[in-house]
Protein backbone atom coordinates (compact mmCIF):
# COMPACT_ATOMS: atom_id res chain seq x y z
CA UNK A 1 0.00 0.00 0.00
CA UNK A 2 2.87 2.26 0.79
CA UNK A 3 4.40 1.70 -2.63
CA UNK A 4 1.06 2.31 -4.27
CA UNK A 5 0.77 5.71 -2.53
CA UNK A 6 4.21 6.69 -3.80
CA UNK A 7 3.22 5.79 -7.37
CA UNK A 8 0.01 7.78 -7.06
CA UNK A 9 1.90 10.83 -5.78
CA UNK A 10 4.39 10.58 -8.63
CA UNK A 11 1.55 10.41 -11.14
CA UNK A 12 -0.03 13.48 -9.56
CA UNK A 13 3.28 15.32 -9.72
CA UNK A 14 3.76 14.48 -13.36
CA UNK A 15 0.21 15.44 -14.19
CA UNK A 16 0.67 18.76 -12.35
CA UNK A 17 3.97 19.36 -14.12
CA UNK A 18 2.43 18.52 -17.47
CA UNK A 19 -0.50 20.80 -16.74
CA UNK A 20 1.88 23.66 -15.85
CA UNK A 21 3.78 23.09 -19.10
CA UNK A 22 0.54 23.15 -21.04
CA UNK A 23 -0.52 26.37 -19.31
CA UNK A 24 2.84 27.98 -19.98
CA UNK A 25 2.74 26.85 -23.61
CA UNK A 26 -0.79 28.24 -23.92
CA UNK A 27 0.30 31.56 -22.37
CA UNK A 28 3.25 31.78 -24.75
CA UNK A 29 1.02 31.03 -27.69
CA UNK A 30 -1.47 33.64 -26.49
CA UNK A 31 1.35 36.17 -26.07
CA UNK A 32 2.63 35.44 -29.57
CA UNK A 33 -0.90 35.71 -30.89
CA UNK A 34 -1.49 38.99 -29.06
CA UNK A 35 1.83 40.29 -30.36
CA UNK A 36 0.93 39.28 -33.91
CA UNK A 37 -2.53 40.80 -33.62
CA UNK A 38 -1.06 43.99 -32.16
CA UNK A 39 1.49 44.28 -34.97
CA UNK A 40 -1.17 43.57 -37.58
CA UNK A 41 -3.51 46.23 -36.18
CA UNK A 42 -0.64 48.67 -35.61
CA UNK A 43 0.92 48.23 -39.05
CA UNK A 44 -2.34 48.45 -40.99
CA UNK A 45 -4.18 51.09 -38.99
CA UNK A 46 -5.57 53.99 -41.01
CA UNK A 47 -4.35 56.35 -38.29
CA UNK A 48 -0.66 57.24 -38.15
CA UNK A 49 0.89 55.53 -35.14
CA UNK A 50 4.34 55.56 -33.55
CA UNK A 51 6.05 54.41 -30.38
CA UNK A 52 9.01 56.43 -29.13
CA UNK A 53 11.28 56.27 -26.13
CA UNK A 54 11.18 59.07 -23.58
CA UNK A 55 13.93 60.93 -25.45
CA UNK A 56 11.76 61.17 -28.55
CA UNK A 57 13.51 58.51 -30.63
CA UNK A 58 11.13 56.37 -32.68
CA UNK A 59 11.11 52.69 -31.75
CA UNK A 60 8.28 51.62 -34.02
CA UNK A 61 6.10 53.33 -36.62
CA UNK A 62 3.39 52.18 -38.98
CA UNK A 63 2.81 52.57 -42.70
CA UNK A 64 0.28 55.36 -42.31
CA UNK A 65 2.85 57.57 -40.63
CA UNK A 66 5.41 56.68 -43.28
CA UNK A 67 2.96 57.62 -46.04
CA UNK A 68 2.12 60.87 -44.25
CA UNK A 69 5.80 61.85 -44.26
CA UNK A 70 6.63 60.30 -47.62
CA UNK A 71 9.37 57.83 -46.66
CA UNK A 72 9.66 54.03 -46.41
CA UNK A 73 8.56 52.80 -42.99
CA UNK A 74 12.00 51.33 -42.33
CA UNK A 75 13.52 54.82 -42.35
CA UNK A 76 11.35 55.89 -39.43
CA UNK A 77 13.00 53.65 -36.87
CA UNK A 78 15.68 54.98 -34.54
CA UNK A 79 15.24 58.59 -35.71
CA UNK A 80 14.19 61.58 -33.65
CA UNK A 81 10.64 62.89 -33.87
CA UNK A 82 12.22 66.25 -34.71
CA UNK A 83 13.28 64.86 -38.08
CA UNK A 84 9.82 65.60 -39.49
CA UNK A 85 8.66 68.31 -37.06
CA UNK A 86 8.71 71.90 -38.32
CA UNK A 87 11.65 73.82 -36.74
CA UNK A 88 9.29 76.58 -35.65
CA UNK A 89 7.24 74.12 -33.60
CA UNK A 90 10.00 72.26 -31.78
CA UNK A 91 9.92 74.46 -28.68
CA UNK A 92 6.19 73.81 -28.26
CA UNK A 93 6.73 70.07 -28.67
CA UNK A 94 9.40 70.23 -25.97
CA UNK A 95 7.03 72.03 -23.64
CA UNK A 96 4.00 69.83 -24.19
CA UNK A 97 5.63 66.41 -24.49
CA UNK A 98 8.84 66.48 -22.52
CA UNK A 99 8.24 69.19 -19.92
CA UNK A 100 4.76 67.88 -19.12
CA UNK A 101 4.31 64.21 -19.98
CA UNK A 102 7.84 62.88 -19.55
CA UNK A 103 8.54 64.88 -16.45
CA UNK A 104 5.25 63.79 -14.85
CA UNK A 105 5.60 60.23 -16.20
CA UNK A 106 1.88 60.16 -16.97
CA UNK A 107 -0.91 61.77 -18.92
CA UNK A 108 -1.79 62.51 -22.54
CA UNK A 109 -1.58 65.63 -24.69
CA UNK A 110 -2.99 66.75 -28.03
CA UNK A 111 -0.89 68.57 -30.59
CA UNK A 112 -1.77 70.01 -33.99
CA UNK A 113 1.42 71.24 -35.58
CA UNK A 114 3.21 71.57 -38.90
CA UNK A 115 4.81 68.56 -40.56
CA UNK A 116 7.84 68.64 -42.87
CA UNK A 117 7.49 65.93 -45.51
CA UNK A 118 10.39 64.17 -47.22
CA UNK A 119 9.91 66.31 -50.36
CA UNK A 120 10.20 69.50 -48.31
CA UNK A 121 6.50 70.39 -48.47
CA UNK A 122 4.73 71.54 -45.32
CA UNK A 123 1.59 69.85 -44.02
CA UNK A 124 -0.34 69.70 -40.77
CA UNK A 125 -0.80 66.73 -38.44
CA UNK A 126 -2.92 66.27 -35.32
CA UNK A 127 -1.58 63.80 -32.74
CA UNK A 128 -2.61 62.52 -29.34
CA UNK A 129 0.53 61.59 -27.40
CA UNK A 130 0.20 59.33 -24.34
CA UNK A 131 2.78 58.41 -21.74
CA UNK A 132 2.90 54.61 -21.29
CA UNK A 133 4.63 53.21 -18.22
CA UNK A 134 6.63 50.04 -18.75
CA UNK A 135 5.97 46.81 -16.83
CA UNK A 136 7.94 43.65 -16.09
CA UNK A 137 11.21 45.52 -16.45
CA UNK A 138 10.28 47.17 -19.77
CA UNK A 139 11.08 50.89 -20.19
CA UNK A 140 8.50 53.68 -20.40
CA UNK A 141 7.41 54.84 -23.85
CA UNK A 142 5.45 57.51 -25.67
CA UNK A 143 2.56 56.42 -27.90
CA UNK A 144 1.48 58.83 -30.65
CA UNK A 145 -1.72 58.40 -32.68
CA UNK A 146 -2.66 60.96 -35.29
CA UNK A 147 -3.79 61.95 -38.76
CA UNK A 148 -2.95 64.33 -41.58
CA UNK A 149 -5.19 67.41 -41.25
CA UNK A 150 -3.60 69.47 -44.03
CA UNK A 151 -6.74 69.54 -46.14
CA UNK A 152 -8.93 70.52 -43.20
CA UNK A 153 -6.53 73.32 -42.31
CA UNK A 154 -6.56 74.50 -45.93
CA UNK A 155 -10.36 74.56 -45.98
CA UNK A 156 -10.46 76.38 -42.63
CA UNK A 157 -8.02 78.99 -43.94
CA UNK A 158 -10.04 79.40 -47.13
CA UNK A 159 -13.27 79.89 -45.16
CA UNK A 160 -11.45 82.37 -42.92
CA UNK A 161 -10.25 84.25 -46.00
CA UNK A 162 -13.68 84.27 -47.65
CA UNK A 163 -15.22 85.66 -44.47
CA UNK A 164 -12.76 88.57 -44.45
CA UNK A 165 -12.34 89.50 -48.11
CA UNK A 166 -14.77 91.15 -50.48
CA UNK A 167 -15.96 88.61 -53.05
CA UNK A 168 -16.28 91.22 -55.83
CA UNK A 169 -13.07 93.24 -55.57
CA UNK A 170 -10.80 90.87 -53.64
CA UNK A 171 -9.78 93.52 -51.09
CA UNK A 172 -10.47 93.10 -47.34
CA UNK A 173 -14.03 93.64 -46.16
CA UNK A 174 -15.61 95.38 -43.17
CA UNK A 175 -15.02 92.43 -40.82
CA UNK A 176 -11.31 92.32 -41.68
CA UNK A 177 -11.05 96.08 -41.24
CA UNK A 178 -12.62 96.04 -37.77
CA UNK A 179 -10.37 93.17 -36.68
CA UNK A 180 -7.34 95.05 -37.99
CA UNK A 181 -8.31 98.18 -36.04
CA UNK A 182 -8.74 96.08 -32.89
CA UNK A 183 -5.32 94.50 -33.40
CA UNK A 184 -3.63 97.87 -33.87
CA UNK A 185 -5.41 99.11 -30.75
CA UNK A 186 -4.18 96.14 -28.72
CA UNK A 187 -0.58 96.61 -29.95
CA UNK A 188 -0.53 100.40 -29.60
CA UNK A 189 1.89 102.11 -27.23
CA UNK A 190 1.60 105.49 -25.60
CA UNK A 191 0.43 108.13 -28.04
CA UNK A 192 0.39 105.93 -31.14
CA UNK A 193 -2.21 107.11 -33.62
CA UNK A 194 -4.14 105.52 -36.45
CA UNK A 195 -5.69 107.20 -39.46
CA UNK A 196 -8.88 106.34 -41.35
CA UNK A 197 -9.81 107.65 -44.78
CA UNK A 198 -13.45 106.89 -45.57
CA UNK A 199 -14.01 107.01 -49.36
CA UNK A 200 -17.38 107.27 -51.09
CA UNK A 201 -17.65 107.44 -54.89
CA UNK A 202 -19.59 110.44 -56.17
CA UNK A 203 -22.68 109.80 -58.31
CA UNK A 204 -21.94 106.09 -58.57
CA UNK A 205 -25.69 105.37 -58.67
CA UNK A 206 -25.85 107.13 -62.02
CA UNK A 207 -23.39 104.61 -63.49
CA UNK A 208 -25.53 101.71 -62.28
CA UNK A 209 -28.73 103.35 -63.55
CA UNK A 210 -27.31 104.21 -66.97
CA UNK A 211 -25.10 101.21 -67.75
CA UNK A 212 -26.37 98.48 -65.41
CA UNK A 213 -24.97 96.84 -62.33
CA UNK A 214 -22.59 94.67 -64.34
CA UNK A 215 -20.72 97.77 -65.52
CA UNK A 216 -20.99 99.22 -62.02
CA UNK A 217 -19.34 96.13 -60.55
CA UNK A 218 -16.49 96.41 -63.05
CA UNK A 219 -16.01 100.06 -62.10
CA UNK A 220 -15.82 99.08 -58.42
CA UNK A 221 -13.18 96.44 -59.22
CA UNK A 222 -11.19 98.99 -61.22
CA UNK A 223 -11.40 101.53 -58.39
CA UNK A 224 -10.27 98.92 -55.86
CA UNK A 225 -7.28 97.99 -58.06
CA UNK A 226 -6.31 101.64 -58.61
CA UNK A 227 -6.45 102.48 -54.90
CA UNK A 228 -4.67 99.26 -53.90
CA UNK A 229 -1.83 99.84 -56.37
CA UNK A 230 -1.47 103.48 -55.38
CA UNK A 231 -1.20 102.64 -51.67
CA UNK A 232 0.85 99.44 -52.04
CA UNK A 233 3.95 101.01 -50.49
CA UNK A 234 2.01 102.47 -47.56
CA UNK A 235 1.55 100.62 -44.26
CA UNK A 236 -2.19 100.67 -44.62
CA UNK A 237 -5.17 98.40 -45.21
CA UNK A 238 -7.62 99.16 -48.01
CA UNK A 239 -11.07 97.65 -47.47
CA UNK A 240 -14.41 97.76 -49.24
CA UNK A 241 -17.06 98.00 -46.54
CA UNK A 242 -20.12 97.99 -48.77
CA UNK A 243 -21.61 99.45 -51.94
CA UNK A 244 -19.26 102.10 -53.33
CA UNK A 245 -17.56 102.77 -49.98
CA UNK A 246 -13.90 102.05 -49.29
CA UNK A 247 -11.74 102.73 -46.22
CA UNK A 248 -7.97 103.08 -45.97
CA UNK A 249 -6.64 102.34 -42.48
CA UNK A 250 -3.21 103.78 -41.72
CA UNK A 251 -1.11 102.03 -39.08
CA UNK A 252 1.05 104.02 -36.63
CA UNK A 253 2.91 106.31 -36.78
CA UNK A 254 0.29 108.68 -38.17
CA UNK A 255 0.11 112.47 -38.33
CA UNK A 256 -1.80 114.97 -40.43
CA UNK A 257 1.03 115.24 -42.98
CA UNK A 258 0.89 111.51 -43.70
CA UNK A 259 -2.92 111.44 -43.89
CA UNK A 260 -3.00 114.38 -46.31
CA UNK A 261 -0.37 112.64 -48.48
CA UNK A 262 -2.45 109.46 -48.58
CA UNK A 263 -5.62 111.39 -49.41
CA UNK A 264 -3.80 113.16 -52.25
CA UNK A 265 -2.60 109.82 -53.61
CA UNK A 266 -6.13 108.41 -53.53
CA UNK A 267 -7.48 111.39 -55.47
CA UNK A 268 -4.62 111.02 -57.96
CA UNK A 269 -5.42 107.34 -58.45
CA UNK A 270 -8.97 108.26 -59.48
CA UNK A 271 -8.04 111.31 -61.58
CA UNK A 272 -8.00 109.55 -64.95
CA UNK A 273 -10.76 107.86 -66.93
CA UNK A 274 -11.70 104.23 -66.33
CA UNK A 275 -12.31 102.13 -69.43
CA UNK A 276 -14.91 99.42 -68.80
CA UNK A 277 -16.51 97.26 -71.50
CA UNK A 278 -16.09 99.87 -74.21
CA UNK A 279 -17.30 102.72 -72.01
CA UNK A 280 -15.15 105.47 -70.52
CA UNK A 281 -16.13 106.34 -66.98
CA UNK A 282 -14.95 109.31 -64.92
CA UNK A 283 -15.09 108.63 -61.22
CA UNK A 284 -14.60 111.12 -58.42
CA UNK A 285 -14.78 110.58 -54.68
CA UNK A 286 -15.41 112.30 -51.38
CA UNK A 287 -13.24 111.42 -48.40
CA UNK A 288 -13.75 111.82 -44.68
CA UNK A 289 -10.49 111.35 -42.79
CA UNK A 290 -9.75 111.15 -39.07
CA UNK A 291 -6.73 110.71 -36.83
CA UNK A 292 -7.23 109.12 -33.41
CA UNK A 293 -5.21 107.63 -30.57
CA UNK A 294 -4.88 103.91 -31.28
CA UNK A 295 -4.94 102.44 -27.79
CA UNK A 296 -8.27 101.59 -26.16
CA UNK A 297 -10.11 102.54 -29.34
CA UNK A 298 -13.39 100.91 -30.30
CA UNK A 299 -13.23 99.92 -33.95
CA UNK A 300 -16.90 100.59 -34.75
CA UNK A 301 -16.81 103.97 -33.05
CA UNK A 302 -13.73 104.95 -35.06
CA UNK A 303 -15.38 103.91 -38.32
CA UNK A 304 -18.53 105.87 -37.46
CA UNK A 305 -16.42 108.96 -36.73
CA UNK A 306 -14.80 108.73 -40.18
CA UNK A 307 -18.24 108.28 -41.74
CA UNK A 308 -19.41 111.53 -40.09
CA UNK A 309 -16.48 113.40 -41.63
CA UNK A 310 -17.34 111.87 -45.00
CA UNK A 311 -20.87 113.23 -44.60
CA UNK A 312 -19.40 116.68 -43.94
CA UNK A 313 -17.37 116.44 -47.13
CA UNK A 314 -20.27 115.31 -49.31
CA UNK A 315 -22.75 117.90 -48.02
CA UNK A 316 -20.43 120.75 -48.99
CA UNK A 317 -19.73 119.53 -52.53
CA UNK A 318 -18.49 116.50 -54.41
CA UNK A 319 -14.84 115.57 -54.93
CA UNK A 320 -13.89 116.99 -51.53
CA UNK A 321 -12.18 115.77 -48.38
CA UNK A 322 -12.36 116.67 -44.70
CA UNK A 323 -9.91 115.81 -41.94
CA UNK A 324 -10.49 115.86 -38.19
CA UNK A 325 -8.01 115.03 -35.44
CA UNK A 326 -10.15 113.50 -32.71
CA UNK A 327 -7.76 113.73 -29.77
CA UNK A 328 -7.21 117.51 -29.91
CA UNK A 329 -9.33 120.47 -28.85
CA UNK A 330 -12.50 120.34 -30.96
CA UNK A 331 -12.62 122.93 -33.68
CA UNK A 332 -13.40 123.41 -37.29
CA UNK A 333 -12.32 120.40 -39.39
CA UNK A 334 -9.33 120.96 -41.62
CA UNK A 335 -9.99 120.41 -45.28
CA UNK A 336 -9.96 121.80 -48.76
CA UNK A 337 -12.02 121.48 -51.91
CA UNK A 338 -10.55 119.87 -55.02
CA UNK A 339 -11.67 120.61 -58.59
CA UNK A 340 -14.16 118.13 -59.93
CA UNK A 341 -13.18 115.90 -62.86
CA UNK A 342 -15.36 115.99 -65.98
CA UNK A 343 -17.94 113.22 -66.33
């Protein structure tokens, strides 16, 4: 009986050992399977994916990232993430990834920054970067998952442009002008001044009534081109704010001498005839100009003040301009009449 017990115990031991071997073999097979599945998903994912060490050196990258950059996937291993990051964005990457994630050894961060492709072209990529702590003696890593957003950025920029430029003439519109005034106000120092020249074409309605709105639109485009070319070397923004009204915004430094010079140039630009669709048009304008302190200035209020000076010019006669300096003792507006051009 004693010998029988020993045999039974040995059988149990062998069975237990065999079972442990089977479990270990099953775990190894499962690990290999998980590794194969992971690599298959990683390599063929539509999203760009990369694993880097905590110094920013790529350990593994997939085909989508390689295609995004324009290089074979093999060339992405053991290189720095800075190889395809735009130089102007590297400081921000340092701050977000290394100063925050790596230093804290946890967390995730989103980045949308410029990408330098292998052919030198610039694109945009959006990535979520996660800090992954190692286990079982493995080192910590950074996992990046992202996509190419160049086309979305291009569409966003185009929509932004369309919202701020006049569809007919191509010059900035009222929205752009107001934003530009607000920006100059925010950047202004001390007694910095801005100038506004509010332009309204004289008797433009007669052109529309006589020749039609198609000819009128062509005249407006010609006027916009003439004014834009004349003021191209000035630090100013020419905008069409509606109908036959244009505004030239002069950035600091501004004084009455500069404003008068700009007004004279605008009148000179419109002094000659405009040939449109076989018709010769003579266009004159009235201008209301103001000079105001740039800081803490409300854009709409400034534009309304220039409009009031334009009204003063037009009520006296056509082809005339009026200038008022808003931050001095109120008095009679400076101005002078100009001879009208023949129509």
